[in-house]
Amino acid sequence: MHPTSKNELSSHGHFYLNPKKQAGEVLELLPPGSFAKFANQPNDLPPFQVIDCKGGRCRVRQQAWGRYVHWEVEHNRLKSA
């Protein structure tokens, strides 16, 4: 039996996990209020301010966007500025 969905039970009683991230990946701590950039971010675009990170996703914003506008991105796409 080949697993086709996340956490599918095999014929041997084992679960197969289909993680999106590699098992050895370590995510950098990005606390609220810190600034982060994307790996391929243009130099003329300022860093994004981190609002919060939960469940592998972070909400970030540009200071010029205003208080209630944000963007949700995968945590592993960001690095400290």
PDB file of N, CA and C in Angstrom:
ATOM      1  N   MET A   1       0.846  -1.179   0.000  1.00  0.00           N
ATOM      2  CA  MET A   1       0.000   0.000   0.000  1.00  0.00           C
ATOM      3  C   MET A   1       0.887   1.235   0.000  1.00  0.00           C
ATOM      4  N   HIS A   2       0.765   2.078  -0.990  1.00  0.00           N
ATOM      5  CA  HIS A   2       1.568   3.303  -1.085  1.00  0.00           C
ATOM      6  C   HIS A   2       0.776   4.464  -0.502  1.00  0.00           C
ATOM      7  N   PRO A   3       1.380   5.211   0.434  1.00  0.00           N
ATOM      8  CA  PRO A   3       0.639   6.316   1.041  1.00  0.00           C
ATOM      9  C   PRO A   3       0.346   7.415   0.027  1.00  0.00           C
ATOM     10  N   THR A   4      -0.893   7.866   0.013  1.00  0.00           N
ATOM     11  CA  THR A   4      -1.275   8.924  -0.909  1.00  0.00           C
ATOM     12  C   THR A   4      -1.706  10.188  -0.185  1.00  0.00           C
ATOM     13  N   SER A   5      -1.956  10.085   1.088  1.00  0.00           N
ATOM     14  CA  SER A   5      -2.351  11.269   1.835  1.00  0.00           C
ATOM     15  C   SER A   5      -1.557  11.342   3.129  1.00  0.00           C
ATOM     16  N   LYS A   6      -1.574  12.497   3.739  1.00  0.00           N
ATOM     17  CA  LYS A   6      -0.842  12.743   4.970  1.00  0.00           C
ATOM     18  C   LYS A   6      -1.333  11.790   6.061  1.00  0.00           C
ATOM     19  N   ASN A   7      -0.385  11.240   6.800  1.00  0.00           N
ATOM     20  CA  ASN A   7      -0.680  10.373   7.948  1.00  0.00           C
ATOM     21  C   ASN A   7      -1.489   9.126   7.585  1.00  0.00           C
ATOM     22  N   GLU A   8      -1.284   8.560   6.433  1.00  0.00           N
ATOM     23  CA  GLU A   8      -2.011   7.361   6.030  1.00  0.00           C
ATOM     24  C   GLU A   8      -1.396   6.136   6.694  1.00  0.00           C
ATOM     25  N   LEU A   9      -2.218   5.237   7.177  1.00  0.00           N
ATOM     26  CA  LEU A   9      -1.777   4.024   7.838  1.00  0.00           C
ATOM     27  C   LEU A   9      -1.337   3.007   6.795  1.00  0.00           C
ATOM     28  N   SER A  10      -0.148   2.428   6.971  1.00  0.00           N
ATOM     29  CA  SER A  10       0.353   1.422   6.032  1.00  0.00           C
ATOM     30  C   SER A  10      -0.206   0.058   6.398  1.00  0.00           C
ATOM     31  N   SER A  11       0.068  -0.913   5.545  1.00  0.00           N
ATOM     32  CA  SER A  11      -0.407  -2.268   5.809  1.00  0.00           C
ATOM     33  C   SER A  11       0.325  -2.908   6.980  1.00  0.00           C
ATOM     34  N   HIS A  12       1.459  -2.310   7.408  1.00  0.00           N
ATOM     35  CA  HIS A  12       2.228  -2.834   8.533  1.00  0.00           C
ATOM     36  C   HIS A  12       1.902  -2.116   9.832  1.00  0.00           C
ATOM     37  N   GLY A  13       0.899  -1.250   9.840  1.00  0.00           N
ATOM     38  CA  GLY A  13       0.507  -0.552  11.056  1.00  0.00           C
ATOM     39  C   GLY A  13       1.328   0.696  11.341  1.00  0.00           C
ATOM     40  N   HIS A  14       2.125   1.149  10.375  1.00  0.00           N
ATOM     41  CA  HIS A  14       2.923   2.354  10.558  1.00  0.00           C
ATOM     42  C   HIS A  14       2.284   3.522   9.826  1.00  0.00           C
ATOM     43  N   PHE A  15       2.474   4.696  10.372  1.00  0.00           N
ATOM     44  CA  PHE A  15       2.004   5.903   9.697  1.00  0.00           C
ATOM     45  C   PHE A  15       3.112   6.448   8.813  1.00  0.00           C
ATOM     46  N   TYR A  16       2.744   6.905   7.647  1.00  0.00           N
ATOM     47  CA  TYR A  16       3.672   7.615   6.767  1.00  0.00           C
ATOM     48  C   TYR A  16       3.329   9.094   6.854  1.00  0.00           C
ATOM     49  N   LEU A  17       4.307   9.899   7.153  1.00  0.00           N
ATOM     50  CA  LEU A  17       4.093  11.337   7.206  1.00  0.00           C
ATOM     51  C   LEU A  17       4.604  11.956   5.919  1.00  0.00           C
ATOM     52  N   ASN A  18       3.896  12.917   5.442  1.00  0.00           N
ATOM     53  CA  ASN A  18       4.284  13.606   4.223  1.00  0.00           C
ATOM     54  C   ASN A  18       4.553  15.067   4.569  1.00  0.00           C
ATOM     55  N   PRO A  19       5.661  15.347   5.287  1.00  0.00           N
ATOM     56  CA  PRO A  19       5.908  16.708   5.726  1.00  0.00           C
ATOM     57  C   PRO A  19       6.304  17.614   4.574  1.00  0.00           C
ATOM     58  N   LYS A  20       5.948  18.903   4.701  1.00  0.00           N
ATOM     59  CA  LYS A  20       6.337  19.882   3.694  1.00  0.00           C
ATOM     60  C   LYS A  20       7.791  20.294   3.887  1.00  0.00           C
ATOM     61  N   LYS A  21       8.273  20.249   5.118  1.00  0.00           N
ATOM     62  CA  LYS A  21       9.631  20.671   5.416  1.00  0.00           C
ATOM     63  C   LYS A  21      10.516  19.455   5.625  1.00  0.00           C
ATOM     64  N   GLN A  22      11.797  19.631   5.378  1.00  0.00           N
ATOM     65  CA  GLN A  22      12.731  18.551   5.631  1.00  0.00           C
ATOM     66  C   GLN A  22      12.863  18.366   7.137  1.00  0.00           C
ATOM     67  N   ALA A  23      13.069  17.143   7.564  1.00  0.00           N
ATOM     68  CA  ALA A  23      13.105  16.826   8.988  1.00  0.00           C
ATOM     69  C   ALA A  23      14.195  17.585   9.725  1.00  0.00           C
ATOM     70  N   GLY A  24      15.351  17.821   9.110  1.00  0.00           N
ATOM     71  CA  GLY A  24      16.456  18.477   9.783  1.00  0.00           C
ATOM     72  C   GLY A  24      16.439  19.989   9.697  1.00  0.00           C
ATOM     73  N   GLU A  25      15.406  20.559   9.113  1.00  0.00           N
ATOM     74  CA  GLU A  25      15.353  22.006   8.934  1.00  0.00           C
ATOM     75  C   GLU A  25      15.150  22.718  10.275  1.00  0.00           C
ATOM     76  N   VAL A  26      15.960  23.734  10.511  1.00  0.00           N
ATOM     77  CA  VAL A  26      15.836  24.542  11.722  1.00  0.00           C
ATOM     78  C   VAL A  26      15.359  25.918  11.303  1.00  0.00           C
ATOM     79  N   LEU A  27      14.266  26.365  11.914  1.00  0.00           N
ATOM     80  CA  LEU A  27      13.724  27.674  11.582  1.00  0.00           C
ATOM     81  C   LEU A  27      14.300  28.734  12.502  1.00  0.00           C
ATOM     82  N   GLU A  28      14.663  29.857  11.917  1.00  0.00           N
ATOM     83  CA  GLU A  28      15.219  30.974  12.663  1.00  0.00           C
ATOM     84  C   GLU A  28      14.123  31.622  13.498  1.00  0.00           C
ATOM     85  N   LEU A  29      14.466  32.048  14.704  1.00  0.00           N
ATOM     86  CA  LEU A  29      13.516  32.718  15.575  1.00  0.00           C
ATOM     87  C   LEU A  29      13.238  34.113  15.034  1.00  0.00           C
ATOM     88  N   LEU A  30      11.983  34.393  14.757  1.00  0.00           N
ATOM     89  CA  LEU A  30      11.565  35.702  14.269  1.00  0.00           C
ATOM     90  C   LEU A  30      10.503  36.239  15.224  1.00  0.00           C
ATOM     91  N   PRO A  31      10.937  36.913  16.300  1.00  0.00           N
ATOM     92  CA  PRO A  31       9.971  37.402  17.280  1.00  0.00           C
ATOM     93  C   PRO A  31       9.156  38.582  16.742  1.00  0.00           C
ATOM     94  N   PRO A  32       7.954  38.789  17.268  1.00  0.00           N
ATOM     95  CA  PRO A  32       7.146  39.938  16.861  1.00  0.00           C
ATOM     96  C   PRO A  32       7.932  41.243  17.051  1.00  0.00           C
ATOM     97  N   GLY A  33       7.818  42.108  16.059  1.00  0.00           N
ATOM     98  CA  GLY A  33       8.522  43.387  16.110  1.00  0.00           C
ATOM     99  C   GLY A  33       9.873  43.370  15.427  1.00  0.00           C
ATOM    100  N   SER A  34      10.414  42.173  15.162  1.00  0.00           N
ATOM    101  CA  SER A  34      11.700  42.084  14.467  1.00  0.00           C
ATOM    102  C   SER A  34      11.476  42.327  12.966  1.00  0.00           C
ATOM    103  N   PHE A  35      12.556  42.440  12.237  1.00  0.00           N
ATOM    104  CA  PHE A  35      12.473  42.677  10.802  1.00  0.00           C
ATOM    105  C   PHE A  35      13.083  41.513  10.049  1.00  0.00           C
ATOM    106  N   ALA A  36      12.474  41.174   8.901  1.00  0.00           N
ATOM    107  CA  ALA A  36      12.918  40.027   8.113  1.00  0.00           C
ATOM    108  C   ALA A  36      12.869  40.373   6.634  1.00  0.00           C
ATOM    109  N   LYS A  37      13.657  39.622   5.865  1.00  0.00           N
ATOM    110  CA  LYS A  37      13.697  39.777   4.407  1.00  0.00           C
ATOM    111  C   LYS A  37      13.512  38.417   3.764  1.00  0.00           C
ATOM    112  N   PHE A  38      13.122  38.431   2.495  1.00  0.00           N
ATOM    113  CA  PHE A  38      13.076  37.232   1.683  1.00  0.00           C
ATOM    114  C   PHE A  38      14.450  37.016   1.076  1.00  0.00           C
ATOM    115  N   ALA A  39      14.787  35.801   0.764  1.00  0.00           N
ATOM    116  CA  ALA A  39      16.093  35.493   0.180  1.00  0.00           C
ATOM    117  C   ALA A  39      16.309  36.246  -1.132  1.00  0.00           C
ATOM    118  N   ASN A  40      15.274  36.388  -1.932  1.00  0.00           N
ATOM    119  CA  ASN A  40      15.404  37.041  -3.233  1.00  0.00           C
ATOM    120  C   ASN A  40      14.818  38.461  -3.239  1.00  0.00           C
ATOM    121  N   GLN A  41      14.730  39.079  -2.079  1.00  0.00           N
ATOM    122  CA  GLN A  41      14.119  40.403  -1.964  1.00  0.00           C
ATOM    123  C   GLN A  41      15.003  41.481  -2.594  1.00  0.00           C
ATOM    124  N   PRO A  42      14.441  42.343  -3.421  1.00  0.00           N
ATOM    125  CA  PRO A  42      15.234  43.422  -4.024  1.00  0.00           C
ATOM    126  C   PRO A  42      15.815  44.351  -2.951  1.00  0.00           C
ATOM    127  N   ASN A  43      16.988  44.885  -3.221  1.00  0.00           N
ATOM    128  CA  ASN A  43      17.659  45.755  -2.249  1.00  0.00           C
ATOM    129  C   ASN A  43      16.897  47.037  -1.962  1.00  0.00           C
ATOM    130  N   ASP A  44      16.087  47.513  -2.916  1.00  0.00           N
ATOM    131  CA  ASP A  44      15.365  48.767  -2.704  1.00  0.00           C
ATOM    132  C   ASP A  44      14.051  48.583  -1.931  1.00  0.00           C
ATOM    133  N   LEU A  45      13.697  47.349  -1.585  1.00  0.00           N
ATOM    134  CA  LEU A  45      12.497  47.080  -0.777  1.00  0.00           C
ATOM    135  C   LEU A  45      12.913  46.927   0.676  1.00  0.00           C
ATOM    136  N   PRO A  46      12.370  47.757   1.574  1.00  0.00           N
ATOM    137  CA  PRO A  46      12.766  47.653   2.989  1.00  0.00           C
ATOM    138  C   PRO A  46      12.358  46.312   3.598  1.00  0.00           C
ATOM    139  N   PRO A  47      13.007  45.936   4.709  1.00  0.00           N
ATOM    140  CA  PRO A  47      12.627  44.689   5.395  1.00  0.00           C
ATOM    141  C   PRO A  47      11.169  44.742   5.854  1.00  0.00           C
ATOM    142  N   PHE A  48      10.597  43.569   6.026  1.00  0.00           N
ATOM    143  CA  PHE A  48       9.228  43.447   6.531  1.00  0.00           C
ATOM    144  C   PHE A  48       9.272  43.345   8.058  1.00  0.00           C
ATOM    145  N   GLN A  49       8.296  43.932   8.715  1.00  0.00           N
ATOM    146  CA  GLN A  49       8.184  43.807  10.158  1.00  0.00           C
ATOM    147  C   GLN A  49       7.347  42.570  10.470  1.00  0.00           C
ATOM    148  N   VAL A  50       7.845  41.735  11.375  1.00  0.00           N
ATOM    149  CA  VAL A  50       7.150  40.508  11.763  1.00  0.00           C
ATOM    150  C   VAL A  50       6.062  40.857  12.776  1.00  0.00           C
ATOM    151  N   ILE A  51       4.827  40.465  12.463  1.00  0.00           N
ATOM    152  CA  ILE A  51       3.712  40.658  13.395  1.00  0.00           C
ATOM    153  C   ILE A  51       3.659  39.474  14.355  1.00  0.00           C
ATOM    154  N   ASP A  52       3.643  38.255  13.800  1.00  0.00           N
ATOM    155  CA  ASP A  52       3.693  37.036  14.610  1.00  0.00           C
ATOM    156  C   ASP A  52       3.949  35.844  13.703  1.00  0.00           C
ATOM    157  N   CYS A  53       4.337  34.721  14.317  1.00  0.00           N
ATOM    158  CA  CYS A  53       4.566  33.464  13.591  1.00  0.00           C
ATOM    159  C   CYS A  53       3.881  32.341  14.353  1.00  0.00           C
ATOM    160  N   LYS A  54       3.085  31.550  13.630  1.00  0.00           N
ATOM    161  CA  LYS A  54       2.391  30.399  14.226  1.00  0.00           C
ATOM    162  C   LYS A  54       2.220  29.327  13.171  1.00  0.00           C
ATOM    163  N   GLY A  55       2.452  28.090  13.550  1.00  0.00           N
ATOM    164  CA  GLY A  55       2.198  26.958  12.668  1.00  0.00           C
ATOM    165  C   GLY A  55       2.953  27.000  11.346  1.00  0.00           C
ATOM    166  N   GLY A  56       4.189  27.515  11.368  1.00  0.00           N
ATOM    167  CA  GLY A  56       4.994  27.541  10.157  1.00  0.00           C
ATOM    168  C   GLY A  56       4.697  28.707   9.228  1.00  0.00           C
ATOM    169  N   ARG A  57       3.838  29.613   9.652  1.00  0.00           N
ATOM    170  CA  ARG A  57       3.501  30.783   8.842  1.00  0.00           C
ATOM    171  C   ARG A  57       3.703  32.045   9.671  1.00  0.00           C
ATOM    172  N   CYS A  58       4.085  33.118   8.991  1.00  0.00           N
ATOM    173  CA  CYS A  58       4.300  34.410   9.657  1.00  0.00           C
ATOM    174  C   CYS A  58       3.453  35.482   8.986  1.00  0.00           C
ATOM    175  N   ARG A  59       2.937  36.373   9.802  1.00  0.00           N
ATOM    176  CA  ARG A  59       2.283  37.563   9.269  1.00  0.00           C
ATOM    177  C   ARG A  59       3.308  38.687   9.325  1.00  0.00           C
ATOM    178  N   VAL A  60       3.519  39.348   8.187  1.00  0.00           N
ATOM    179  CA  VAL A  60       4.485  40.430   8.089  1.00  0.00           C
ATOM    180  C   VAL A  60       3.821  41.630   7.430  1.00  0.00           C
ATOM    181  N   ARG A  61       4.465  42.800   7.590  1.00  0.00           N
ATOM    182  CA  ARG A  61       3.933  44.002   6.961  1.00  0.00           C
ATOM    183  C   ARG A  61       5.061  44.967   6.664  1.00  0.00           C
ATOM    184  N   GLN A  62       4.799  45.867   5.758  1.00  0.00           N
ATOM    185  CA  GLN A  62       5.675  47.003   5.519  1.00  0.00           C
ATOM    186  C   GLN A  62       5.134  48.147   6.374  1.00  0.00           C
ATOM    187  N   GLN A  63       5.999  48.922   6.971  1.00  0.00           N
ATOM    188  CA  GLN A  63       5.541  50.017   7.826  1.00  0.00           C
ATOM    189  C   GLN A  63       4.682  51.009   7.042  1.00  0.00           C
ATOM    190  N   ALA A  64       4.952  51.187   5.765  1.00  0.00           N
ATOM    191  CA  ALA A  64       4.186  52.125   4.946  1.00  0.00           C
ATOM    192  C   ALA A  64       2.784  51.610   4.598  1.00  0.00           C
ATOM    193  N   TRP A  65       2.504  50.328   4.839  1.00  0.00           N
ATOM    194  CA  TRP A  65       1.211  49.754   4.477  1.00  0.00           C
ATOM    195  C   TRP A  65       0.092  50.161   5.414  1.00  0.00           C
ATOM    196  N   GLY A  66       0.422  50.658   6.569  1.00  0.00           N
ATOM    197  CA  GLY A  66      -0.613  50.965   7.550  1.00  0.00           C
ATOM    198  C   GLY A  66      -0.755  49.829   8.546  1.00  0.00           C
ATOM    199  N   ARG A  67      -1.466  50.111   9.591  1.00  0.00           N
ATOM    200  CA  ARG A  67      -1.555  49.205  10.730  1.00  0.00           C
ATOM    201  C   ARG A  67      -2.309  47.899  10.469  1.00  0.00           C
ATOM    202  N   TYR A  68      -3.298  47.921   9.598  1.00  0.00           N
ATOM    203  CA  TYR A  68      -4.179  46.757   9.442  1.00  0.00           C
ATOM    204  C   TYR A  68      -3.945  45.960   8.157  1.00  0.00           C
ATOM    205  N   VAL A  69      -2.884  46.254   7.443  1.00  0.00           N
ATOM    206  CA  VAL A  69      -2.574  45.531   6.216  1.00  0.00           C
ATOM    207  C   VAL A  69      -1.366  44.640   6.476  1.00  0.00           C
ATOM    208  N   HIS A  70      -1.492  43.347   6.185  1.00  0.00           N
ATOM    209  CA  HIS A  70      -0.366  42.424   6.385  1.00  0.00           C
ATOM    210  C   HIS A  70      -0.379  41.357   5.292  1.00  0.00           C
ATOM    211  N   TRP A  71       0.689  40.576   5.284  1.00  0.00           N
ATOM    212  CA  TRP A  71       0.874  39.504   4.305  1.00  0.00           C
ATOM    213  C   TRP A  71       1.259  38.263   5.091  1.00  0.00           C
ATOM    214  N   GLU A  72       0.655  37.121   4.799  1.00  0.00           N
ATOM    215  CA  GLU A  72       0.978  35.866   5.473  1.00  0.00           C
ATOM    216  C   GLU A  72       1.860  35.026   4.561  1.00  0.00           C
ATOM    217  N   VAL A  73       3.030  34.607   5.074  1.00  0.00           N
ATOM    218  CA  VAL A  73       3.997  33.853   4.275  1.00  0.00           C
ATOM    219  C   VAL A  73       4.514  32.669   5.074  1.00  0.00           C
ATOM    220  N   GLU A  74       5.121  31.710   4.386  1.00  0.00           N
ATOM    221  CA  GLU A  74       5.733  30.562   5.050  1.00  0.00           C
ATOM    222  C   GLU A  74       6.967  31.043   5.807  1.00  0.00           C
ATOM    223  N   HIS A  75       7.122  30.549   7.022  1.00  0.00           N
ATOM    224  CA  HIS A  75       8.234  30.959   7.892  1.00  0.00           C
ATOM    225  C   HIS A  75       9.579  30.720   7.229  1.00  0.00           C
ATOM    226  N   ASN A  76       9.732  29.596   6.533  1.00  0.00           N
ATOM    227  CA  ASN A  76      11.036  29.248   5.967  1.00  0.00           C
ATOM    228  C   ASN A  76      11.442  30.116   4.776  1.00  0.00           C
ATOM    229  N   ARG A  77      10.568  30.994   4.317  1.00  0.00           N
ATOM    230  CA  ARG A  77      10.923  31.920   3.230  1.00  0.00           C
ATOM    231  C   ARG A  77      11.586  33.192   3.763  1.00  0.00           C
ATOM    232  N   LEU A  78      11.582  33.372   5.084  1.00  0.00           N
ATOM    233  CA  LEU A  78      12.108  34.593   5.690  1.00  0.00           C
ATOM    234  C   LEU A  78      13.439  34.361   6.390  1.00  0.00           C
ATOM    235  N   LYS A  79      14.233  35.429   6.468  1.00  0.00           N
ATOM    236  CA  LYS A  79      15.463  35.413   7.262  1.00  0.00           C
ATOM    237  C   LYS A  79      15.568  36.758   7.956  1.00  0.00           C
ATOM    238  N   SER A  80      16.270  36.787   9.089  1.00  0.00           N
ATOM    239  CA  SER A  80      16.432  38.043   9.835  1.00  0.00           C
ATOM    240  C   SER A  80      17.103  39.097   8.976  1.00  0.00           C
ATOM    241  N   ALA A  81      16.629  40.318   9.128  1.00  0.00           N
ATOM    242  CA  ALA A  81      17.230  41.431   8.369  1.00  0.00           C
ATOM    243  C   ALA A  81      18.401  42.011   9.133  1.00  0.00           C
TER     244      ALA A  81
END
